[in-house]
Amino acid sequence: MNPVAQRILDTRSVSDGQTVYPLGHYHMDAGEGALLQAAIQQAQPKVSLEVGMAYGLSTLFICEALASLRSDATHIVIDPFQHQDWHGIGLRNAREAGYERMLKFYEERSEFVLPRLLAEGVRLDFALIDGWHTFDQALVEFYYISRMLRVGGIVAFDDADWPSLSRLLRYIVEYPSYEVFKSKPKWKPSMLGRMRRRVVAIPQVAKLVHPTVRQRAWDLGIFDTCVAVRKISEDNRPITWFPDF
């Protein structure tokens, strides 16, 4: 692990050079970082993107993996509140770790930056969505990222156990062009939960059960705090496409 990231996790604190702040809950842990790095090893990105930098731990995980693959990788970071709310600490940590040369930073809202990047012809191989966590905001971000993502590229979602993002992921895994890349549940389903899945799997019963009950996050493989999906084909959905989710 990069020494800067290790120090932050060990001390549970960050600094802007003058004031030390507690790390709090606004960060990815080592397990989530390992998921990002596994996705990057798989996708082999030339260009990656991150929405939401905060104190920069996710950026450190991502850039460490990119640096192990290629020296000319570009990592686009979008965070409109980096200095307003986070005191510039994320950028400071990336600079201290030696990753500043990789970064292309936008201190603007993602709904303004992402359409511009698409119009400019930017192509992505990996992206992390970890900004404002409402369903509609994350969906807008995914929409533009998916338009830029190459086949074989991977999109990760932090805080995927939040109701808004869990429901969004239920929608996304219905896309014929996406599959779950990786998600590691932290506990096993109960005996009641296992029995429920067996019963709902019976075709005659499944017809009577609403899809939001049929397709629990666990059953779909998206039950974790960080979930990644992989693009397996171009998006060729017909105009009438809509799944229950």
C-alpha atoms as a PDB file:
ATOM      1  CA  MET A   1       0.000   0.000   0.000  1.00  0.00           C
ATOM      2  CA  ASN A   2       1.179   3.525  -0.726  1.00  0.00           C
ATOM      3  CA  PRO A   3       2.824   4.960   2.439  1.00  0.00           C
ATOM      4  CA  VAL A   4       0.545   8.018   2.442  1.00  0.00           C
ATOM      5  CA  ALA A   5      -2.586   5.843   2.364  1.00  0.00           C
ATOM      6  CA  GLN A   6      -1.119   3.543   5.031  1.00  0.00           C
ATOM      7  CA  ARG A   7      -0.367   6.489   7.316  1.00  0.00           C
ATOM      8  CA  ILE A   8      -3.894   7.862   6.950  1.00  0.00           C
ATOM      9  CA  LEU A   9      -5.470   4.509   7.782  1.00  0.00           C
ATOM     10  CA  ASP A  10      -3.099   3.909  10.694  1.00  0.00           C
ATOM     11  CA  THR A  11      -3.552   7.342  12.299  1.00  0.00           C
ATOM     12  CA  ARG A  12      -7.214   7.757  11.301  1.00  0.00           C
ATOM     13  CA  SER A  13      -6.430  11.391  10.525  1.00  0.00           C
ATOM     14  CA  VAL A  14      -5.586  13.761   7.666  1.00  0.00           C
ATOM     15  CA  SER A  15      -3.981  17.189   7.479  1.00  0.00           C
ATOM     16  CA  ASP A  16      -4.039  20.263   5.263  1.00  0.00           C
ATOM     17  CA  GLY A  17      -0.529  21.150   6.447  1.00  0.00           C
ATOM     18  CA  GLN A  18      -1.747  23.244   9.351  1.00  0.00           C
ATOM     19  CA  THR A  19      -4.735  21.529  10.933  1.00  0.00           C
ATOM     20  CA  VAL A  20      -5.203  17.817  11.623  1.00  0.00           C
ATOM     21  CA  TYR A  21      -8.710  16.448  11.013  1.00  0.00           C
ATOM     22  CA  PRO A  22     -10.170  13.092  12.086  1.00  0.00           C
ATOM     23  CA  LEU A  23     -10.704  10.750   9.155  1.00  0.00           C
ATOM     24  CA  GLY A  24     -14.278  10.004  10.201  1.00  0.00           C
ATOM     25  CA  HIS A  25     -16.415   7.955   7.834  1.00  0.00           C
ATOM     26  CA  TYR A  26     -15.533   9.817   4.659  1.00  0.00           C
ATOM     27  CA  HIS A  27     -13.128   7.326   3.152  1.00  0.00           C
ATOM     28  CA  MET A  28     -12.711   3.909   1.570  1.00  0.00           C
ATOM     29  CA  ASP A  29     -11.175   1.172   3.697  1.00  0.00           C
ATOM     30  CA  ALA A  30      -8.409  -1.217   2.636  1.00  0.00           C
ATOM     31  CA  GLY A  31     -10.870  -3.898   1.508  1.00  0.00           C
ATOM     32  CA  GLU A  32     -12.735  -1.477  -0.727  1.00  0.00           C
ATOM     33  CA  GLY A  33      -9.424  -0.197  -2.046  1.00  0.00           C
ATOM     34  CA  ALA A  34      -8.450  -3.779  -2.902  1.00  0.00           C
ATOM     35  CA  LEU A  35     -11.651  -4.119  -4.939  1.00  0.00           C
ATOM     36  CA  LEU A  36     -10.813  -0.968  -6.909  1.00  0.00           C
ATOM     37  CA  GLN A  37      -7.309  -2.228  -7.549  1.00  0.00           C
ATOM     38  CA  ALA A  38      -8.546  -5.640  -8.679  1.00  0.00           C
ATOM     39  CA  ALA A  39     -10.892  -3.910 -11.121  1.00  0.00           C
ATOM     40  CA  ILE A  40      -8.025  -1.787 -12.447  1.00  0.00           C
ATOM     41  CA  GLN A  41      -5.821  -4.858 -12.877  1.00  0.00           C
ATOM     42  CA  GLN A  42      -8.628  -6.387 -14.932  1.00  0.00           C
ATOM     43  CA  ALA A  43      -9.485  -3.311 -17.009  1.00  0.00           C
ATOM     44  CA  GLN A  44      -5.888  -2.133 -17.609  1.00  0.00           C
ATOM     45  CA  PRO A  45      -6.953   1.533 -17.915  1.00  0.00           C
ATOM     46  CA  LYS A  46      -5.344   4.171 -20.046  1.00  0.00           C
ATOM     47  CA  VAL A  47      -7.892   6.671 -18.727  1.00  0.00           C
ATOM     48  CA  SER A  48      -9.869   6.376 -15.483  1.00  0.00           C
ATOM     49  CA  LEU A  49     -12.289   8.704 -13.744  1.00  0.00           C
ATOM     50  CA  GLU A  50     -13.469   9.356 -10.218  1.00  0.00           C
ATOM     51  CA  VAL A  51     -16.463  11.364  -9.011  1.00  0.00           C
ATOM     52  CA  GLY A  52     -15.922  12.509  -5.428  1.00  0.00           C
ATOM     53  CA  MET A  53     -12.396  12.848  -4.052  1.00  0.00           C
ATOM     54  CA  ALA A  54     -12.878  14.026  -0.435  1.00  0.00           C
ATOM     55  CA  TYR A  55      -9.676  13.235   1.501  1.00  0.00           C
ATOM     56  CA  GLY A  56      -8.255  11.290  -1.425  1.00  0.00           C
ATOM     57  CA  LEU A  57      -7.950   7.717  -0.137  1.00  0.00           C
ATOM     58  CA  SER A  58      -9.783   6.287  -3.139  1.00  0.00           C
ATOM     59  CA  THR A  59      -7.551   8.389  -5.390  1.00  0.00           C
ATOM     60  CA  LEU A  60      -4.478   6.920  -3.713  1.00  0.00           C
ATOM     61  CA  PHE A  61      -5.753   3.365  -4.185  1.00  0.00           C
ATOM     62  CA  ILE A  62      -6.594   4.023  -7.835  1.00  0.00           C
ATOM     63  CA  CYS A  63      -3.359   5.800  -8.719  1.00  0.00           C
ATOM     64  CA  GLU A  64      -1.253   3.157  -6.988  1.00  0.00           C
ATOM     65  CA  ALA A  65      -2.836   0.510  -9.213  1.00  0.00           C
ATOM     66  CA  LEU A  66      -2.507   2.666 -12.334  1.00  0.00           C
ATOM     67  CA  ALA A  67       1.173   3.324 -11.615  1.00  0.00           C
ATOM     68  CA  SER A  68       1.833  -0.416 -11.416  1.00  0.00           C
ATOM     69  CA  LEU A  69       0.393  -0.865 -14.918  1.00  0.00           C
ATOM     70  CA  ARG A  70       1.586   2.077 -16.980  1.00  0.00           C
ATOM     71  CA  SER A  71       3.407   5.354 -16.522  1.00  0.00           C
ATOM     72  CA  ASP A  72       1.244   7.337 -18.953  1.00  0.00           C
ATOM     73  CA  ALA A  73      -2.162   6.647 -17.399  1.00  0.00           C
ATOM     74  CA  THR A  74      -4.515   9.593 -16.817  1.00  0.00           C
ATOM     75  CA  HIS A  75      -6.885   9.761 -13.857  1.00  0.00           C
ATOM     76  CA  ILE A  76      -9.693  12.310 -14.109  1.00  0.00           C
ATOM     77  CA  VAL A  77     -11.020  13.535 -10.764  1.00  0.00           C
ATOM     78  CA  ILE A  78     -14.243  15.525 -10.317  1.00  0.00           C
ATOM     79  CA  ASP A  79     -14.935  17.121  -6.928  1.00  0.00           C
ATOM     80  CA  PRO A  80     -16.720  20.485  -6.735  1.00  0.00           C
ATOM     81  CA  PHE A  81     -16.174  20.686  -2.971  1.00  0.00           C
ATOM     82  CA  GLN A  82     -12.496  19.727  -2.713  1.00  0.00           C
ATOM     83  CA  HIS A  83     -11.451  23.062  -1.210  1.00  0.00           C
ATOM     84  CA  GLN A  84     -14.814  24.216   0.170  1.00  0.00           C
ATOM     85  CA  ASP A  85     -15.503  21.117   2.264  1.00  0.00           C
ATOM     86  CA  TRP A  86     -12.300  19.050   2.218  1.00  0.00           C
ATOM     87  CA  HIS A  87      -9.671  21.810   2.618  1.00  0.00           C
ATOM     88  CA  GLY A  88      -7.783  20.613  -0.480  1.00  0.00           C
ATOM     89  CA  ILE A  89      -6.574  17.576   1.472  1.00  0.00           C
ATOM     90  CA  GLY A  90      -7.333  15.048  -1.252  1.00  0.00           C
ATOM     91  CA  LEU A  91      -5.159  16.914  -3.754  1.00  0.00           C
ATOM     92  CA  ARG A  92      -2.472  17.400  -1.115  1.00  0.00           C
ATOM     93  CA  ASN A  93      -2.354  13.671  -0.376  1.00  0.00           C
ATOM     94  CA  ALA A  94      -2.157  12.782  -4.072  1.00  0.00           C
ATOM     95  CA  ARG A  95       0.677  15.273  -4.518  1.00  0.00           C
ATOM     96  CA  GLU A  96       2.580  13.921  -1.500  1.00  0.00           C
ATOM     97  CA  ALA A  97       2.207  10.373  -2.824  1.00  0.00           C
ATOM     98  CA  GLY A  98       3.726  11.408  -6.158  1.00  0.00           C
ATOM     99  CA  TYR A  99       0.584  10.985  -8.250  1.00  0.00           C
ATOM    100  CA  GLU A 100      -0.072  14.616  -9.193  1.00  0.00           C
ATOM    101  CA  ARG A 101       1.252  14.094 -12.735  1.00  0.00           C
ATOM    102  CA  MET A 102      -1.498  11.510 -13.376  1.00  0.00           C
ATOM    103  CA  LEU A 103      -4.359  13.753 -12.331  1.00  0.00           C
ATOM    104  CA  LYS A 104      -6.663  15.891 -14.410  1.00  0.00           C
ATOM    105  CA  PHE A 105      -8.735  17.666 -11.791  1.00  0.00           C
ATOM    106  CA  TYR A 106     -12.094  19.441 -12.180  1.00  0.00           C
ATOM    107  CA  GLU A 107     -13.465  21.433  -9.268  1.00  0.00           C
ATOM    108  CA  GLU A 108     -16.915  21.526 -10.841  1.00  0.00           C
ATOM    109  CA  ARG A 109     -20.150  19.609 -10.550  1.00  0.00           C
ATOM    110  CA  SER A 110     -20.175  16.261 -12.326  1.00  0.00           C
ATOM    111  CA  GLU A 111     -23.386  17.026 -14.246  1.00  0.00           C
ATOM    112  CA  PHE A 112     -21.484  19.816 -16.023  1.00  0.00           C
ATOM    113  CA  VAL A 113     -18.121  18.104 -16.492  1.00  0.00           C
ATOM    114  CA  LEU A 114     -19.245  14.671 -17.698  1.00  0.00           C
ATOM    115  CA  PRO A 115     -21.241  15.892 -20.746  1.00  0.00           C
ATOM    116  CA  ARG A 116     -18.237  18.007 -21.771  1.00  0.00           C
ATOM    117  CA  LEU A 117     -15.908  15.033 -21.539  1.00  0.00           C
ATOM    118  CA  LEU A 118     -18.303  12.952 -23.636  1.00  0.00           C
ATOM    119  CA  ALA A 119     -18.517  15.725 -26.248  1.00  0.00           C
ATOM    120  CA  GLU A 120     -14.709  15.899 -26.316  1.00  0.00           C
ATOM    121  CA  GLY A 121     -14.526  12.203 -27.190  1.00  0.00           C
ATOM    122  CA  VAL A 122     -12.990  11.001 -23.913  1.00  0.00           C
ATOM    123  CA  ARG A 123     -12.960   7.211 -23.563  1.00  0.00           C
ATOM    124  CA  LEU A 124     -12.755   5.505 -20.170  1.00  0.00           C
ATOM    125  CA  ASP A 125     -11.637   2.083 -18.978  1.00  0.00           C
ATOM    126  CA  PHE A 126     -12.473   2.456 -15.286  1.00  0.00           C
ATOM    127  CA  ALA A 127     -14.600   4.786 -13.176  1.00  0.00           C
ATOM    128  CA  LEU A 128     -15.586   5.205  -9.531  1.00  0.00           C
ATOM    129  CA  ILE A 129     -18.876   6.878  -8.625  1.00  0.00           C
ATOM    130  CA  ASP A 130     -18.633   8.236  -5.088  1.00  0.00           C
ATOM    131  CA  GLY A 131     -20.213  11.681  -5.170  1.00  0.00           C
ATOM    132  CA  TRP A 132     -23.671  12.849  -4.114  1.00  0.00           C
ATOM    133  CA  HIS A 133     -25.593   9.684  -3.290  1.00  0.00           C
ATOM    134  CA  THR A 134     -29.149  10.416  -4.414  1.00  0.00           C
ATOM    135  CA  PHE A 135     -30.555   7.947  -6.940  1.00  0.00           C
ATOM    136  CA  ASP A 136     -30.970  10.549  -9.682  1.00  0.00           C
ATOM    137  CA  GLN A 137     -27.530  12.123  -9.254  1.00  0.00           C
ATOM    138  CA  ALA A 138     -25.727   8.788  -9.377  1.00  0.00           C
ATOM    139  CA  LEU A 139     -27.855   7.687 -12.332  1.00  0.00           C
ATOM    140  CA  VAL A 140     -26.901  10.822 -14.283  1.00  0.00           C
ATOM    141  CA  GLU A 141     -23.240  10.152 -13.529  1.00  0.00           C
ATOM    142  CA  PHE A 142     -23.532   6.519 -14.580  1.00  0.00           C
ATOM    143  CA  TYR A 143     -25.364   7.501 -17.790  1.00  0.00           C
ATOM    144  CA  TYR A 144     -22.515   9.691 -19.023  1.00  0.00           C
ATOM    145  CA  ILE A 145     -19.783   7.389 -17.763  1.00  0.00           C
ATOM    146  CA  SER A 146     -21.396   4.418 -19.512  1.00  0.00           C
ATOM    147  CA  ARG A 147     -21.464   6.389 -22.762  1.00  0.00           C
ATOM    148  CA  MET A 148     -17.688   6.898 -22.439  1.00  0.00           C
ATOM    149  CA  LEU A 149     -16.803   3.445 -21.119  1.00  0.00           C
ATOM    150  CA  ARG A 150     -15.128   0.965 -23.448  1.00  0.00           C
ATOM    151  CA  VAL A 151     -16.367  -2.630 -23.614  1.00  0.00           C
ATOM    152  CA  GLY A 152     -14.471  -4.459 -20.875  1.00  0.00           C
ATOM    153  CA  GLY A 153     -14.377  -1.328 -18.728  1.00  0.00           C
ATOM    154  CA  ILE A 154     -15.514  -1.363 -15.108  1.00  0.00           C
ATOM    155  CA  VAL A 155     -17.566   1.069 -13.000  1.00  0.00           C
ATOM    156  CA  ALA A 156     -17.390   0.879  -9.190  1.00  0.00           C
ATOM    157  CA  PHE A 157     -19.917   2.351  -6.746  1.00  0.00           C
ATOM    158  CA  ASP A 158     -18.930   3.199  -3.187  1.00  0.00           C
ATOM    159  CA  ASP A 159     -21.542   3.088  -0.410  1.00  0.00           C
ATOM    160  CA  ALA A 160     -23.469   0.612  -2.538  1.00  0.00           C
ATOM    161  CA  ASP A 161     -25.397  -0.545   0.532  1.00  0.00           C
ATOM    162  CA  TRP A 162     -27.180   2.818   0.751  1.00  0.00           C
ATOM    163  CA  PRO A 163     -30.843   2.356  -0.325  1.00  0.00           C
ATOM    164  CA  SER A 164     -30.517   4.826  -3.217  1.00  0.00           C
ATOM    165  CA  LEU A 165     -27.422   3.165  -4.675  1.00  0.00           C
ATOM    166  CA  SER A 166     -28.597  -0.370  -3.982  1.00  0.00           C
ATOM    167  CA  ARG A 167     -31.751   0.343  -5.969  1.00  0.00           C
ATOM    168  CA  LEU A 168     -29.701   1.968  -8.750  1.00  0.00           C
ATOM    169  CA  LEU A 169     -27.497  -1.116  -8.970  1.00  0.00           C
ATOM    170  CA  ARG A 170     -30.583  -3.326  -9.239  1.00  0.00           C
ATOM    171  CA  TYR A 171     -31.476  -1.272 -12.308  1.00  0.00           C
ATOM    172  CA  ILE A 172     -27.988  -1.333 -13.813  1.00  0.00           C
ATOM    173  CA  VAL A 173     -27.505  -5.096 -13.518  1.00  0.00           C
ATOM    174  CA  GLU A 174     -30.611  -5.478 -15.687  1.00  0.00           C
ATOM    175  CA  TYR A 175     -28.751  -3.822 -18.576  1.00  0.00           C
ATOM    176  CA  PRO A 176     -27.878  -6.529 -21.121  1.00  0.00           C
ATOM    177  CA  SER A 177     -24.504  -4.824 -21.579  1.00  0.00           C
ATOM    178  CA  TYR A 178     -23.409  -5.114 -17.913  1.00  0.00           C
ATOM    179  CA  GLU A 179     -22.537  -7.832 -15.419  1.00  0.00           C
ATOM    180  CA  VAL A 180     -21.449  -7.773 -11.790  1.00  0.00           C
ATOM    181  CA  PHE A 181     -17.663  -7.742 -11.632  1.00  0.00           C
ATOM    182  CA  LYS A 182     -17.161  -8.325  -7.943  1.00  0.00           C
ATOM    183  CA  SER A 183     -18.889  -7.854  -4.628  1.00  0.00           C
ATOM    184  CA  LYS A 184     -17.865  -9.460  -1.348  1.00  0.00           C
ATOM    185  CA  PRO A 185     -20.688  -9.896   1.190  1.00  0.00           C
ATOM    186  CA  LYS A 186     -19.578  -9.520   4.803  1.00  0.00           C
ATOM    187  CA  TRP A 187     -21.895 -12.190   6.173  1.00  0.00           C
ATOM    188  CA  LYS A 188     -23.871 -15.189   4.999  1.00  0.00           C
ATOM    189  CA  PRO A 189     -27.643 -15.149   4.496  1.00  0.00           C
ATOM    190  CA  SER A 190     -29.786 -16.574   7.257  1.00  0.00           C
ATOM    191  CA  MET A 191     -31.490 -19.953   7.013  1.00  0.00           C
ATOM    192  CA  LEU A 192     -34.774 -18.088   6.462  1.00  0.00           C
ATOM    193  CA  GLY A 193     -33.169 -16.109   3.656  1.00  0.00           C
ATOM    194  CA  ARG A 194     -31.891 -19.282   1.982  1.00  0.00           C
ATOM    195  CA  MET A 195     -35.332 -20.887   2.233  1.00  0.00           C
ATOM    196  CA  ARG A 196     -36.946 -17.770   0.743  1.00  0.00           C
ATOM    197  CA  ARG A 197     -34.652 -17.911  -2.294  1.00  0.00           C
ATOM    198  CA  ARG A 198     -35.455 -21.567  -2.895  1.00  0.00           C
ATOM    199  CA  VAL A 199     -39.197 -20.905  -2.744  1.00  0.00           C
ATOM    200  CA  VAL A 200     -39.051 -17.806  -4.947  1.00  0.00           C
ATOM    201  CA  ALA A 201     -36.973 -19.757  -7.491  1.00  0.00           C
ATOM    202  CA  ILE A 202     -39.955 -22.020  -8.183  1.00  0.00           C
ATOM    203  CA  PRO A 203     -41.369 -20.708 -11.520  1.00  0.00           C
ATOM    204  CA  GLN A 204     -45.020 -20.888 -10.406  1.00  0.00           C
ATOM    205  CA  VAL A 205     -44.202 -18.845  -7.314  1.00  0.00           C
ATOM    206  CA  ALA A 206     -41.914 -16.393  -9.126  1.00  0.00           C
ATOM    207  CA  LYS A 207     -44.775 -15.283 -11.360  1.00  0.00           C
ATOM    208  CA  LEU A 208     -46.703 -14.146  -8.284  1.00  0.00           C
ATOM    209  CA  VAL A 209     -43.880 -12.265  -6.608  1.00  0.00           C
ATOM    210  CA  HIS A 210     -42.995  -8.673  -7.439  1.00  0.00           C
ATOM    211  CA  PRO A 211     -39.500  -8.270  -8.969  1.00  0.00           C
ATOM    212  CA  THR A 212     -38.287  -6.054  -6.094  1.00  0.00           C
ATOM    213  CA  VAL A 213     -38.970  -8.991  -3.770  1.00  0.00           C
ATOM    214  CA  ARG A 214     -37.657 -11.622  -6.207  1.00  0.00           C
ATOM    215  CA  GLN A 215     -34.387  -9.838  -6.839  1.00  0.00           C
ATOM    216  CA  ARG A 216     -32.797  -9.036  -3.520  1.00  0.00           C
ATOM    217  CA  ALA A 217     -29.398  -7.385  -3.570  1.00  0.00           C
ATOM    218  CA  TRP A 218     -27.868 -10.604  -2.241  1.00  0.00           C
ATOM    219  CA  ASP A 219     -29.324 -12.695  -5.053  1.00  0.00           C
ATOM    220  CA  LEU A 220     -27.996 -10.262  -7.649  1.00  0.00           C
ATOM    221  CA  GLY A 221     -24.481 -10.280  -6.208  1.00  0.00           C
ATOM    222  CA  ILE A 222     -24.507  -6.592  -5.267  1.00  0.00           C
ATOM    223  CA  PHE A 223     -24.654  -6.864  -1.479  1.00  0.00           C
ATOM    224  CA  ASP A 224     -21.654  -4.937  -0.185  1.00  0.00           C
ATOM    225  CA  THR A 225     -20.422  -1.429   0.573  1.00  0.00           C
ATOM    226  CA  CYS A 226     -18.509  -1.282  -2.722  1.00  0.00           C
ATOM    227  CA  VAL A 227     -19.755  -2.945  -5.903  1.00  0.00           C
ATOM    228  CA  ALA A 228     -18.296  -2.955  -9.402  1.00  0.00           C
ATOM    229  CA  VAL A 229     -19.996  -3.751 -12.711  1.00  0.00           C
ATOM    230  CA  ARG A 230     -18.286  -4.578 -16.006  1.00  0.00           C
ATOM    231  CA  LYS A 231     -19.407  -3.538 -19.481  1.00  0.00           C
ATOM    232  CA  ILE A 232     -19.545  -6.689 -21.606  1.00  0.00           C
ATOM    233  CA  SER A 233     -20.978  -5.287 -24.845  1.00  0.00           C
ATOM    234  CA  GLU A 234     -22.062  -2.073 -26.504  1.00  0.00           C
ATOM    235  CA  ASP A 235     -25.382  -0.659 -25.317  1.00  0.00           C
ATOM    236  CA  ASN A 236     -27.901  -1.675 -27.965  1.00  0.00           C
ATOM    237  CA  ARG A 237     -31.138  -1.568 -25.976  1.00  0.00           C
ATOM    238  CA  PRO A 238     -34.290  -0.926 -28.026  1.00  0.00           C
ATOM    239  CA  ILE A 239     -36.314   2.251 -27.494  1.00  0.00           C
ATOM    240  CA  THR A 240     -38.967   0.308 -25.544  1.00  0.00           C
ATOM    241  CA  TRP A 241     -36.493  -1.271 -23.068  1.00  0.00           C
ATOM    242  CA  PHE A 242     -37.490  -1.080 -19.415  1.00  0.00           C
ATOM    243  CA  PRO A 243     -37.062  -3.646 -16.608  1.00  0.00           C
ATOM    244  CA  ASP A 244     -38.737  -3.832 -13.238  1.00  0.00           C
ATOM    245  CA  PHE A 245     -36.088  -3.265 -10.574  1.00  0.00           C
END
